[in-house]
Amino acid sequence: MKLPNSISPAFIEWLDRGGHKIELKKNAMIVKKQFSDGVKRSVIPFERHEIKEFYELDEYLSQRYELFLKQYFNNGKGFIQDLHLAMASKYRKAVMMNNLA
């Protein structure tokens, strides 16, 4: 399944709120979630300084994305807007912290 860039920040925020740990590596976003039987690890590949229209998702993240879309359809546009605003706030805070360093 492919994740559209237009709602990727909302999806990442939704994963974060769902207990997933998100790390940025050189050319990939690593998404991890601890379960009773181990850790589920997924990778979203990307190129730095290059914005794509869609990002490939593996099987686990595709399942999560389907659940995310169901919640979006059940809750309406405000669901995505709230997640986008939360991610924008985190981004703004990170930029401010970086400028202070």
C-alpha atoms as a PDB file:
ATOM      1  CA  MET A   1       0.000   0.000   0.000  1.00  0.00           C
ATOM      2  CA  LYS A   2       1.131   3.563  -0.590  1.00  0.00           C
ATOM      3  CA  LEU A   3       0.908   6.466   1.832  1.00  0.00           C
ATOM      4  CA  PRO A   4       0.095   9.824   0.192  1.00  0.00           C
ATOM      5  CA  ASN A   5       2.451  12.615   1.215  1.00  0.00           C
ATOM      6  CA  SER A   6      -0.530  14.894   1.851  1.00  0.00           C
ATOM      7  CA  ILE A   7      -1.622  12.944   4.940  1.00  0.00           C
ATOM      8  CA  SER A   8       1.702  11.398   5.966  1.00  0.00           C
ATOM      9  CA  PRO A   9       2.246  13.813   8.916  1.00  0.00           C
ATOM     10  CA  ALA A  10      -1.193  12.915  10.304  1.00  0.00           C
ATOM     11  CA  PHE A  11      -0.475   9.187   9.924  1.00  0.00           C
ATOM     12  CA  ILE A  12       2.917   9.501  11.658  1.00  0.00           C
ATOM     13  CA  GLU A  13       1.335  11.464  14.535  1.00  0.00           C
ATOM     14  CA  TRP A  14      -1.385   8.796  14.792  1.00  0.00           C
ATOM     15  CA  LEU A  15       1.272   6.053  14.989  1.00  0.00           C
ATOM     16  CA  ASP A  16       3.124   8.021  17.677  1.00  0.00           C
ATOM     17  CA  ARG A  17      -0.040   8.395  19.747  1.00  0.00           C
ATOM     18  CA  GLY A  18      -0.633   4.668  19.336  1.00  0.00           C
ATOM     19  CA  GLY A  19       2.619   3.825  21.109  1.00  0.00           C
ATOM     20  CA  HIS A  20       4.924   3.440  18.130  1.00  0.00           C
ATOM     21  CA  LYS A  21       8.496   4.690  18.480  1.00  0.00           C
ATOM     22  CA  ILE A  22       9.676   6.581  15.409  1.00  0.00           C
ATOM     23  CA  GLU A  23      13.331   7.110  14.506  1.00  0.00           C
ATOM     24  CA  LEU A  24      14.849   8.812  11.497  1.00  0.00           C
ATOM     25  CA  LYS A  25      17.876   7.181   9.939  1.00  0.00           C
ATOM     26  CA  LYS A  26      19.859   8.302   6.923  1.00  0.00           C
ATOM     27  CA  ASN A  27      17.309   7.325   4.254  1.00  0.00           C
ATOM     28  CA  ALA A  28      14.518   5.681   6.219  1.00  0.00           C
ATOM     29  CA  MET A  29      11.986   6.187   8.942  1.00  0.00           C
ATOM     30  CA  ILE A  30      12.028   3.284  11.401  1.00  0.00           C
ATOM     31  CA  VAL A  31       8.725   2.550  13.146  1.00  0.00           C
ATOM     32  CA  LYS A  32       8.774   0.188  16.144  1.00  0.00           C
ATOM     33  CA  LYS A  33       6.043  -1.084  18.436  1.00  0.00           C
ATOM     34  CA  GLN A  34       6.538  -3.282  21.503  1.00  0.00           C
ATOM     35  CA  PHE A  35       4.149  -6.220  21.840  1.00  0.00           C
ATOM     36  CA  SER A  36       3.995  -9.004  24.413  1.00  0.00           C
ATOM     37  CA  ASP A  37       5.571 -11.406  21.900  1.00  0.00           C
ATOM     38  CA  GLY A  38       8.313  -9.038  20.727  1.00  0.00           C
ATOM     39  CA  VAL A  39       8.901  -5.890  18.718  1.00  0.00           C
ATOM     40  CA  LYS A  40       7.297  -5.130  15.383  1.00  0.00           C
ATOM     41  CA  ARG A  41       9.682  -3.125  13.192  1.00  0.00           C
ATOM     42  CA  SER A  42       8.823  -1.412   9.911  1.00  0.00           C
ATOM     43  CA  VAL A  43      10.693   0.863   7.553  1.00  0.00           C
ATOM     44  CA  ILE A  44       9.430   3.700   5.363  1.00  0.00           C
ATOM     45  CA  PRO A  45      12.215   4.463   2.854  1.00  0.00           C
ATOM     46  CA  PHE A  46      12.727   8.043   1.671  1.00  0.00           C
ATOM     47  CA  GLU A  47      15.384  10.295   0.200  1.00  0.00           C
ATOM     48  CA  ARG A  48      16.499  13.326   2.163  1.00  0.00           C
ATOM     49  CA  HIS A  49      15.475  16.672   0.649  1.00  0.00           C
ATOM     50  CA  GLU A  50      13.150  14.899  -1.811  1.00  0.00           C
ATOM     51  CA  ILE A  51       9.391  14.957  -1.386  1.00  0.00           C
ATOM     52  CA  LYS A  52       7.534  12.107  -3.035  1.00  0.00           C
ATOM     53  CA  GLU A  53       3.856  11.991  -3.872  1.00  0.00           C
ATOM     54  CA  PHE A  54       3.541   8.519  -2.252  1.00  0.00           C
ATOM     55  CA  TYR A  55       5.622   6.413   0.150  1.00  0.00           C
ATOM     56  CA  GLU A  56       5.670   2.603   0.132  1.00  0.00           C
ATOM     57  CA  LEU A  57       4.373   0.841   3.243  1.00  0.00           C
ATOM     58  CA  ASP A  58       5.164  -2.717   4.273  1.00  0.00           C
ATOM     59  CA  GLU A  59       2.489  -5.218   5.343  1.00  0.00           C
ATOM     60  CA  TYR A  60       2.329  -4.142   9.004  1.00  0.00           C
ATOM     61  CA  LEU A  61       2.136  -0.415   8.250  1.00  0.00           C
ATOM     62  CA  SER A  62      -0.392  -1.095   5.481  1.00  0.00           C
ATOM     63  CA  GLN A  63      -2.639  -2.724   8.090  1.00  0.00           C
ATOM     64  CA  ARG A  64      -2.154   0.257  10.404  1.00  0.00           C
ATOM     65  CA  TYR A  65      -2.902   2.615   7.515  1.00  0.00           C
ATOM     66  CA  GLU A  66      -6.181   0.794   6.792  1.00  0.00           C
ATOM     67  CA  LEU A  67      -7.212   1.252  10.439  1.00  0.00           C
ATOM     68  CA  PHE A  68      -6.170   4.917  10.276  1.00  0.00           C
ATOM     69  CA  LEU A  69      -8.366   5.416   7.173  1.00  0.00           C
ATOM     70  CA  LYS A  70     -11.343   3.746   8.890  1.00  0.00           C
ATOM     71  CA  GLN A  71     -10.989   6.170  11.805  1.00  0.00           C
ATOM     72  CA  TYR A  72     -10.694   9.059   9.336  1.00  0.00           C
ATOM     73  CA  PHE A  73     -13.903   8.049   7.564  1.00  0.00           C
ATOM     74  CA  ASN A  74     -15.716   7.547  10.878  1.00  0.00           C
ATOM     75  CA  ASN A  75     -14.532  10.813  12.453  1.00  0.00           C
ATOM     76  CA  GLY A  76     -14.365  13.176   9.490  1.00  0.00           C
ATOM     77  CA  LYS A  77     -11.949  15.830   8.331  1.00  0.00           C
ATOM     78  CA  GLY A  78     -11.383  17.181  11.855  1.00  0.00           C
ATOM     79  CA  PHE A  79      -9.578  13.940  12.722  1.00  0.00           C
ATOM     80  CA  ILE A  80      -6.881  14.656  10.127  1.00  0.00           C
ATOM     81  CA  GLN A  81      -6.746  18.375  10.946  1.00  0.00           C
ATOM     82  CA  ASP A  82      -6.117  17.688  14.652  1.00  0.00           C
ATOM     83  CA  LEU A  83      -3.306  15.270  13.823  1.00  0.00           C
ATOM     84  CA  HIS A  84      -1.771  17.711  11.322  1.00  0.00           C
ATOM     85  CA  LEU A  85      -1.843  20.522  13.886  1.00  0.00           C
ATOM     86  CA  ALA A  86      -0.214  18.331  16.523  1.00  0.00           C
ATOM     87  CA  MET A  87       2.572  17.358  14.117  1.00  0.00           C
ATOM     88  CA  ALA A  88       3.073  20.992  13.044  1.00  0.00           C
ATOM     89  CA  SER A  89       3.383  21.974  16.703  1.00  0.00           C
ATOM     90  CA  LYS A  90       6.054  19.297  17.260  1.00  0.00           C
ATOM     91  CA  TYR A  91       7.911  20.473  14.160  1.00  0.00           C
ATOM     92  CA  ARG A  92       7.811  24.094  15.314  1.00  0.00           C
ATOM     93  CA  LYS A  93       9.127  23.117  18.745  1.00  0.00           C
ATOM     94  CA  ALA A  94      11.955  21.087  17.183  1.00  0.00           C
ATOM     95  CA  VAL A  95      12.981  24.017  14.971  1.00  0.00           C
ATOM     96  CA  MET A  96      12.971  26.391  17.960  1.00  0.00           C
ATOM     97  CA  MET A  97      15.058  23.965  20.038  1.00  0.00           C
ATOM     98  CA  ASN A  98      17.498  23.572  17.139  1.00  0.00           C
ATOM     99  CA  ASN A  99      17.838  27.361  16.831  1.00  0.00           C
ATOM    100  CA  LEU A 100      18.666  27.628  20.531  1.00  0.00           C
ATOM    101  CA  ALA A 101      21.442  25.045  20.287  1.00  0.00           C
END
